[in-house]
């Protein structure tokens, strides 16, 4: 969220907490809807930018993208996170281990490092020799920065709608 709108977000969020707790789920749902195109853009960016060999691009694109909305006085805002530690990923790794596979999925990749352009991997499965491969930077940052104004405006619109329902200007 842009710093210009952050203060307005905090003030409106505080008013909503005081006015009607039933409006909070409405705002969260509207913000999730507003950020869903961003999640699609991040997935598309990962598929296009990251290496296709070995399936890194698809693995990153399949990671969970979540939107968290906080209405706490000091931390009011919207956070978009990407994680590869979903329940589906953990279940897939457990099935692979149960089947006797030594390679039980690559759930150990660090998405922040991949976004910075670094992927660490063993040499042909030899976990005694690790190497760093450089990949294109910014699969996450580029779509987020490109859609920041639109997402911030949509989030503020969701808050203003709820504020209007609560009787605030």
Protein backbone atom coordinates (compact mmCIF):
# COMPACT_ATOMS: atom_id res chain seq x y z
CA UNK A 1 0.00 0.00 0.00
CA UNK A 2 1.31 3.41 -0.86
CA UNK A 3 2.36 5.53 2.09
CA UNK A 4 -0.02 8.28 0.95
CA UNK A 5 -3.02 5.99 1.44
CA UNK A 6 -1.70 4.16 4.50
CA UNK A 7 -2.81 6.83 6.97
CA UNK A 8 -6.26 7.05 5.41
CA UNK A 9 -6.47 3.24 5.54
CA UNK A 10 -5.60 3.27 9.27
CA UNK A 11 -8.17 5.97 10.08
CA UNK A 12 -10.96 4.31 8.11
CA UNK A 13 -10.10 0.89 9.56
CA UNK A 14 -10.30 2.32 13.09
CA UNK A 15 -13.72 3.80 12.34
CA UNK A 16 -14.96 0.49 10.98
CA UNK A 17 -13.79 -1.37 14.08
CA UNK A 18 -15.76 1.05 16.22
CA UNK A 19 -18.84 1.19 13.99
CA UNK A 20 -19.78 -2.36 13.10
CA UNK A 21 -17.78 -5.56 13.33
CA UNK A 22 -20.04 -7.12 10.67
CA UNK A 23 -18.50 -4.82 8.05
CA UNK A 24 -14.99 -6.21 8.53
CA UNK A 25 -15.67 -9.48 6.64
CA UNK A 26 -17.24 -7.45 3.81
CA UNK A 27 -14.12 -5.30 3.52
CA UNK A 28 -11.81 -8.34 3.65
CA UNK A 29 -13.80 -10.08 0.91
CA UNK A 30 -13.77 -6.95 -1.29
CA UNK A 31 -10.01 -6.54 -0.79
CA UNK A 32 -9.44 -10.22 -1.68
CA UNK A 33 -11.45 -9.69 -4.86
CA UNK A 34 -9.43 -6.52 -5.61
CA UNK A 35 -6.11 -8.34 -5.22
CA UNK A 36 -7.04 -11.51 -7.15
CA UNK A 37 -5.88 -10.07 -10.53
CA UNK A 38 -2.52 -9.37 -8.89
CA UNK A 39 -2.20 -13.03 -7.85
CA UNK A 40 -2.89 -14.06 -11.45
CA UNK A 41 -0.27 -11.57 -12.68
CA UNK A 42 2.32 -12.97 -10.24
CA UNK A 43 1.65 -16.53 -11.42
CA UNK A 44 1.90 -15.45 -15.05
CA UNK A 45 5.14 -13.60 -14.34
CA UNK A 46 6.65 -16.66 -12.66
CA UNK A 47 5.65 -18.87 -15.61
CA UNK A 48 7.12 -16.46 -18.16
CA UNK A 49 10.27 -15.22 -16.38
CA UNK A 50 11.65 -18.27 -14.59
CA UNK A 51 13.46 -21.18 -16.30
CA UNK A 52 11.20 -23.84 -17.77
CA UNK A 53 13.81 -26.59 -17.56
CA UNK A 54 13.26 -28.68 -14.46
CA UNK A 55 9.83 -27.12 -13.92
CA UNK A 56 10.95 -24.28 -11.63
CA UNK A 57 8.55 -21.84 -13.30
CA UNK A 58 5.53 -24.12 -12.78
CA UNK A 59 6.58 -25.02 -9.25
CA UNK A 60 6.79 -21.33 -8.27
CA UNK A 61 3.54 -20.51 -10.11
CA UNK A 62 1.76 -23.27 -8.14
CA UNK A 63 2.78 -21.73 -4.81
CA UNK A 64 0.08 -20.29 -2.58
CA UNK A 65 -0.57 -16.54 -2.83
CA UNK A 66 -2.53 -15.08 0.07
CA UNK A 67 -3.86 -11.66 0.96
CA UNK A 68 -3.91 -10.60 4.61
CA UNK A 69 -5.82 -7.54 5.77
CA UNK A 70 -5.08 -6.04 9.16
CA UNK A 71 -7.24 -3.48 10.92
CA UNK A 72 -5.03 -3.17 14.01
CA UNK A 73 -4.30 0.48 14.90
CA UNK A 74 -0.56 0.41 14.21
CA UNK A 75 -0.41 -2.24 11.50
CA UNK A 76 -3.51 -1.52 9.40
CA UNK A 77 -2.89 -2.46 5.80
CA UNK A 78 -2.91 -5.14 3.14
CA UNK A 79 -0.12 -7.72 2.77
CA UNK A 80 0.31 -10.08 -0.17
CA UNK A 81 2.43 -13.16 0.51
CA UNK A 82 3.61 -16.09 -1.52
CA UNK A 83 4.38 -19.39 0.18
CA UNK A 84 5.25 -22.89 -0.96
CA UNK A 85 4.42 -24.46 2.38
CA UNK A 86 0.76 -25.20 1.59
CA UNK A 87 -0.97 -28.31 2.90
CA UNK A 88 -1.12 -29.73 -0.64
CA UNK A 89 2.66 -29.36 -1.03
CA UNK A 90 3.28 -31.03 2.32
CA UNK A 91 0.92 -33.90 1.45
CA UNK A 92 2.63 -34.37 -1.93
CA UNK A 93 6.04 -34.56 -0.23
CA UNK A 94 4.72 -37.06 2.34
CA UNK A 95 3.34 -39.32 -0.44
CA UNK A 96 6.67 -39.16 -2.29
CA UNK A 97 8.57 -40.10 0.88
CA UNK A 98 6.13 -42.95 1.59
CA UNK A 99 6.70 -44.26 -1.94
CA UNK A 100 10.43 -44.44 -1.19
CA UNK A 101 11.55 -41.44 -3.22
CA UNK A 102 14.71 -39.72 -1.98
CA UNK A 103 13.64 -36.60 -3.84
CA UNK A 104 10.39 -35.71 -2.18
CA UNK A 105 9.68 -32.48 -4.03
CA UNK A 106 11.50 -29.20 -3.95
CA UNK A 107 9.61 -27.53 -1.14
CA UNK A 108 12.88 -26.22 0.26
CA UNK A 109 13.35 -23.50 -2.37
CA UNK A 110 13.31 -20.01 -0.92
CA UNK A 111 10.87 -17.84 -2.89
CA UNK A 112 12.50 -14.62 -1.67
CA UNK A 113 15.85 -15.73 -3.05
CA UNK A 114 14.26 -16.79 -6.33
CA UNK A 115 12.67 -13.33 -6.56
CA UNK A 116 16.16 -11.87 -6.03
CA UNK A 117 17.47 -14.04 -8.87
CA UNK A 118 19.16 -16.87 -6.94
CA UNK A 119 18.35 -20.59 -6.92
CA UNK A 120 20.44 -23.03 -4.86
CA UNK A 121 20.46 -26.63 -5.94
CA UNK A 122 22.58 -29.77 -5.52
CA UNK A 123 24.69 -31.15 -8.35
CA UNK A 124 22.59 -33.98 -9.85
CA UNK A 125 21.07 -34.81 -6.47
CA UNK A 126 24.43 -34.92 -4.64
CA UNK A 127 23.51 -32.96 -1.51
CA UNK A 128 27.19 -32.65 -0.64
CA UNK A 129 27.77 -30.20 -3.51
CA UNK A 130 25.45 -27.19 -3.71
CA UNK A 131 25.52 -24.56 -6.43
CA UNK A 132 23.85 -21.23 -7.02
CA UNK A 133 22.19 -20.58 -10.35
CA UNK A 134 21.20 -17.08 -11.39
CA UNK A 135 17.69 -16.62 -12.78
CA UNK A 136 15.87 -13.44 -13.90
CA UNK A 137 15.07 -11.17 -10.96
CA UNK A 138 11.69 -9.85 -9.92
CA UNK A 139 9.05 -12.43 -10.86
CA UNK A 140 7.10 -11.20 -7.78
CA UNK A 141 8.24 -7.57 -7.50
CA UNK A 142 7.58 -6.53 -11.10
CA UNK A 143 3.84 -7.34 -11.21
CA UNK A 144 3.35 -6.01 -7.67
CA UNK A 145 5.00 -2.69 -8.51
CA UNK A 146 3.15 -2.42 -11.82
CA UNK A 147 -0.27 -2.95 -10.24
CA UNK A 148 0.37 -1.10 -6.98
CA UNK A 149 -1.69 2.03 -7.86
CA UNK A 150 -4.68 0.03 -9.10
CA UNK A 151 -4.65 -2.36 -6.13
CA UNK A 152 -4.26 0.50 -3.64
CA UNK A 153 -7.18 2.35 -5.25
CA UNK A 154 -9.36 -0.79 -5.20
CA UNK A 155 -8.53 -1.44 -1.53
CA UNK A 156 -9.37 2.15 -0.61
CA UNK A 157 -12.62 1.90 -2.60
CA UNK A 158 -13.56 -1.20 -0.57
CA UNK A 159 -12.87 0.67 2.66
CA UNK A 160 -14.79 3.75 1.54
CA UNK A 161 -17.77 1.60 0.56
CA UNK A 162 -17.85 0.02 4.01
CA UNK A 163 -17.40 3.44 5.63
CA UNK A 164 -20.38 4.75 3.65
CA UNK A 165 -22.48 1.79 4.81
CA UNK A 166 -21.42 2.58 8.40
CA UNK A 167 -22.47 6.20 7.94
CA UNK A 168 -19.10 7.90 7.57
CA UNK A 169 -18.22 10.29 4.78
